[in-house]
């Protein structure tokens, strides 16, 4: 429910029923110009994510583990085993510092990391011709990732093996 009071510059937003379907090509919009400027979105957030990132990114000297990009504003902490899974603890050894493009590719199993710390690019991407960004990504196939120096921060090989099995399954030819 959205109630607006333009004269007092106030908007009251409360949870309620979504209007329209997420599958509709065009969202259902109200004729009220004030209401059309507002949207209600409910999301789950991971309370620990900021702390997890604050531990993982510095463990990789503030660089992407795959291509060594050092722009900290583009770095994210990727879970090896997702935090909703039993082994998905928010600890450095269950994380990889990845730039946003590699994090997305990793989460979508388009890029995998083997238990031996080697990058694997999905065969689908390796066969595709889609410009310089993809060409650059292909160069990291079978290359080692950067791993932290401290032994307890290195990516856990058992977690990597589990995650890599998923990558292989989704990319089986």
Foldseek 3Di string as FASTA:
>chain_A
DWDDDVVVGDIDDDDDDDQDDPPDPDGDADPPVVRRVDDDDDDDDDPCQVVLQVQQCVLLVCAFQQPRDNPNVQWGWAFLDPCVDPPRDSALLRTGIHGPVVSVCLVVLQWAAALVQAIAGFPVLVPDDDDDVSVVVNVRHRPGTRAGPDPVNGHDSVSSHVSVVVSCVVRPD
